[in-house]
């Protein structure tokens, strides 16, 4: 099969997938086949523009900025205790996550919370931070952020990509704040995997 024909087949498959998903979502929302058919008629004026806007906006980078003091001299154990987490991964320790260069004393830190609105990998998130003159947060910074903003992690996972621990199985894990209505958790996530579109990434001004 020629490459040209392969691209045509692949494109047809993509369009079929998009249409199938759209039909399913319309019916889930209480719509009917008539609502789908209306997209091909003059009555659809403005609808396609709205759909295009939603698709583009969903993939845009969104940031929130926070400024707070971080006590780099406080132990990981004390920072975890101050955060009052309902669950913590036992591998998140001072030994597994030693401080990086210049993590000492108390400093005012400007945090940026990144949301990309789509599935991304760690390299992509880090590259986007670097474009803005930021770097990924460390464990100590994540703990300070979680203590100061305890409710945020109930809404979405918050990930610190600069503190990496090579686990016993050889995986590269990073600390994450996670949770739900009933609890707040401090967990580890695999750095080499992709991250879901609802995840947030904590950045720090250089």
Protein backbone atom coordinates (compact mmCIF):
# COMPACT_ATOMS: atom_id res chain seq x y z
CA UNK A 1 0.00 0.00 0.00
CA UNK A 2 1.40 3.41 -0.91
CA UNK A 3 2.07 6.03 1.76
CA UNK A 4 -0.51 8.33 0.11
CA UNK A 5 -3.24 5.72 0.36
CA UNK A 6 -2.23 4.89 3.94
CA UNK A 7 -2.63 8.55 4.99
CA UNK A 8 -6.08 8.66 3.37
CA UNK A 9 -7.17 5.51 5.22
CA UNK A 10 -5.78 6.85 8.49
CA UNK A 11 -7.60 10.14 8.00
CA UNK A 12 -10.86 8.34 7.28
CA UNK A 13 -10.42 6.36 10.48
CA UNK A 14 -9.87 9.54 12.47
CA UNK A 15 -13.00 11.17 11.06
CA UNK A 16 -15.05 8.06 11.80
CA UNK A 17 -13.77 8.04 15.37
CA UNK A 18 -14.61 11.72 15.88
CA UNK A 19 -18.11 11.31 14.43
CA UNK A 20 -18.82 8.21 16.52
CA UNK A 21 -17.73 9.95 19.71
CA UNK A 22 -19.76 13.07 18.86
CA UNK A 23 -22.91 11.01 18.27
CA UNK A 24 -22.41 9.21 21.58
CA UNK A 25 -21.93 12.47 23.50
CA UNK A 26 -24.97 14.13 21.88
CA UNK A 27 -27.18 11.18 22.83
CA UNK A 28 -25.72 11.14 26.36
CA UNK A 29 -26.80 14.77 26.65
CA UNK A 30 -30.35 13.82 25.63
CA UNK A 31 -30.05 14.61 21.91
CA UNK A 32 -31.37 12.62 18.97
CA UNK A 33 -30.37 11.72 15.42
CA UNK A 34 -32.20 14.87 14.30
CA UNK A 35 -29.75 16.97 16.32
CA UNK A 36 -26.84 15.33 14.52
CA UNK A 37 -28.47 15.76 11.10
CA UNK A 38 -29.05 19.46 11.86
CA UNK A 39 -25.27 19.98 11.64
CA UNK A 40 -25.52 19.50 7.86
CA UNK A 41 -28.24 22.11 7.42
CA UNK A 42 -28.31 25.93 7.41
CA UNK A 43 -29.69 25.73 10.96
CA UNK A 44 -26.14 24.83 12.07
CA UNK A 45 -24.88 28.37 11.48
CA UNK A 46 -22.53 29.23 14.31
CA UNK A 47 -22.46 25.70 15.78
CA UNK A 48 -19.31 24.62 13.97
CA UNK A 49 -17.54 27.81 15.02
CA UNK A 50 -18.44 27.10 18.66
CA UNK A 51 -17.21 23.51 18.37
CA UNK A 52 -13.91 24.71 16.88
CA UNK A 53 -13.48 27.28 19.65
CA UNK A 54 -14.06 24.68 22.37
CA UNK A 55 -11.52 22.31 20.79
CA UNK A 56 -8.84 25.01 20.54
CA UNK A 57 -9.45 26.41 24.03
CA UNK A 58 -9.28 22.91 25.55
CA UNK A 59 -5.69 22.52 24.36
CA UNK A 60 -4.40 25.91 25.53
CA UNK A 61 -1.93 26.32 28.34
CA UNK A 62 -3.54 27.83 31.45
CA UNK A 63 -1.52 29.07 34.42
CA UNK A 64 -2.21 30.27 37.94
CA UNK A 65 0.39 32.14 39.99
CA UNK A 66 0.91 31.89 43.77
CA UNK A 67 3.56 33.52 45.98
CA UNK A 68 4.48 32.13 49.41
CA UNK A 69 7.34 31.42 51.80
CA UNK A 70 9.08 28.04 51.66
CA UNK A 71 11.14 26.75 54.59
CA UNK A 72 13.72 24.55 52.87
CA UNK A 73 15.35 23.77 56.21
CA UNK A 74 12.31 21.93 57.54
CA UNK A 75 12.53 18.15 57.26
CA UNK A 76 10.39 16.22 54.80
CA UNK A 77 8.79 14.38 57.71
CA UNK A 78 7.79 17.63 59.45
CA UNK A 79 6.48 19.11 56.19
CA UNK A 80 4.33 16.04 55.59
CA UNK A 81 2.97 16.25 59.13
CA UNK A 82 2.17 19.95 58.66
CA UNK A 83 0.25 19.11 55.49
CA UNK A 84 -2.10 16.78 57.41
CA UNK A 85 -2.47 14.25 54.62
CA UNK A 86 -4.86 11.35 55.02
CA UNK A 87 -2.43 9.07 53.19
CA UNK A 88 1.25 9.30 52.29
CA UNK A 89 3.45 6.96 50.32
CA UNK A 90 6.07 5.54 52.71
CA UNK A 91 8.82 5.96 50.10
CA UNK A 92 8.51 9.75 50.25
CA UNK A 93 11.35 10.31 52.73
CA UNK A 94 14.35 12.55 53.32
CA UNK A 95 16.64 9.74 52.19
CA UNK A 96 14.88 9.10 48.88
CA UNK A 97 14.41 12.80 48.12
CA UNK A 98 17.47 14.74 49.36
CA UNK A 99 17.42 18.53 48.86
CA UNK A 100 18.71 19.86 45.57
CA UNK A 101 21.28 22.65 45.23
CA UNK A 102 20.33 25.92 46.97
CA UNK A 103 17.46 24.35 48.93
CA UNK A 104 18.31 25.95 52.27
CA UNK A 105 16.78 28.52 54.60
CA UNK A 106 13.52 30.35 54.06
CA UNK A 107 12.72 31.98 50.74
CA UNK A 108 9.77 33.67 49.08
CA UNK A 109 8.87 31.58 46.06
CA UNK A 110 6.61 32.34 43.10
CA UNK A 111 4.76 29.22 42.01
CA UNK A 112 3.02 28.72 38.68
CA UNK A 113 0.41 25.98 38.34
CA UNK A 114 0.29 24.71 34.75
CA UNK A 115 -2.71 23.08 33.09
CA UNK A 116 -2.41 22.05 29.44
CA UNK A 117 -5.95 20.75 28.89
CA UNK A 118 -4.73 17.58 27.18
CA UNK A 119 -2.70 14.44 27.91
CA UNK A 120 1.02 15.27 28.03
CA UNK A 121 4.27 13.60 29.07
CA UNK A 122 6.80 14.91 31.58
CA UNK A 123 9.20 16.19 28.90
CA UNK A 124 6.47 18.31 27.33
CA UNK A 125 5.45 19.85 30.67
CA UNK A 126 9.07 20.66 31.57
CA UNK A 127 9.75 22.18 28.14
CA UNK A 128 6.72 24.46 28.47
CA UNK A 129 7.91 25.64 31.89
CA UNK A 130 11.39 26.38 30.56
CA UNK A 131 9.90 28.49 27.76
CA UNK A 132 8.37 30.69 30.48
CA UNK A 133 11.59 30.95 32.47
CA UNK A 134 10.34 28.47 35.08
CA UNK A 135 11.55 25.11 36.32
CA UNK A 136 9.62 22.16 37.78
CA UNK A 137 9.00 22.18 41.53
CA UNK A 138 10.74 19.92 44.02
CA UNK A 139 9.22 17.77 46.75
CA UNK A 140 9.87 20.41 49.44
CA UNK A 141 8.20 23.05 47.31
CA UNK A 142 5.25 20.77 46.59
CA UNK A 143 4.80 20.13 50.31
CA UNK A 144 4.86 23.85 51.08
CA UNK A 145 2.35 24.49 48.30
CA UNK A 146 0.05 21.69 49.51
CA UNK A 147 0.14 22.95 53.08
CA UNK A 148 -0.78 26.49 51.99
CA UNK A 149 -3.46 25.37 49.48
CA UNK A 150 -4.94 22.20 51.01
CA UNK A 151 -8.17 22.13 49.01
CA UNK A 152 -6.71 22.38 45.51
CA UNK A 153 -5.61 18.75 45.34
CA UNK A 154 -9.20 17.63 45.85
CA UNK A 155 -9.94 19.17 42.45
CA UNK A 156 -6.98 17.81 40.46
CA UNK A 157 -3.59 16.08 40.91
CA UNK A 158 -0.61 18.43 41.36
CA UNK A 159 2.79 17.09 40.25
CA UNK A 160 6.39 18.11 41.09
CA UNK A 161 8.64 16.89 38.27
CA UNK A 162 12.09 17.94 39.52
CA UNK A 163 12.29 15.53 42.47
CA UNK A 164 12.79 12.07 40.97
CA UNK A 165 13.32 8.82 42.89
CA UNK A 166 14.45 5.62 41.16
CA UNK A 167 12.34 2.95 42.84
CA UNK A 168 13.36 -0.59 43.67
CA UNK A 169 11.72 -1.76 40.44
CA UNK A 170 13.76 0.74 38.42
CA UNK A 171 10.91 3.15 37.75
CA UNK A 172 11.41 6.92 37.98
CA UNK A 173 8.80 8.28 40.39
CA UNK A 174 7.85 11.84 41.25
CA UNK A 175 5.74 13.17 44.15
CA UNK A 176 2.13 14.15 43.54
CA UNK A 177 -0.67 15.67 45.56
CA UNK A 178 -3.94 13.87 44.89
CA UNK A 179 -7.31 13.49 46.55
CA UNK A 180 -11.07 13.61 46.48
CA UNK A 181 -13.91 14.98 48.60
CA UNK A 182 -13.12 12.65 51.50
CA UNK A 183 -9.31 12.70 51.63
CA UNK A 184 -6.03 14.32 50.60
CA UNK A 185 -3.13 12.10 49.54
CA UNK A 186 0.62 12.42 48.97
CA UNK A 187 1.58 9.80 46.41
CA UNK A 188 4.17 8.87 43.80
CA UNK A 189 3.56 8.88 40.05
CA UNK A 190 5.65 7.27 37.35
CA UNK A 191 7.61 10.02 35.61
CA UNK A 192 7.97 8.03 32.39
CA UNK A 193 4.26 7.68 31.76
CA UNK A 194 1.86 10.13 30.18
CA UNK A 195 -0.23 12.40 32.42
CA UNK A 196 -3.99 12.81 32.02
CA UNK A 197 -5.34 16.12 30.78
CA UNK A 198 -6.80 17.09 34.15
CA UNK A 199 -3.38 17.01 35.90
CA UNK A 200 -1.59 20.18 36.99
CA UNK A 201 2.18 20.72 37.10
CA UNK A 202 3.84 22.93 39.68
CA UNK A 203 6.51 25.29 38.35
CA UNK A 204 8.84 27.70 40.14
CA UNK A 205 10.37 30.95 38.89
CA UNK A 206 14.12 30.62 38.36
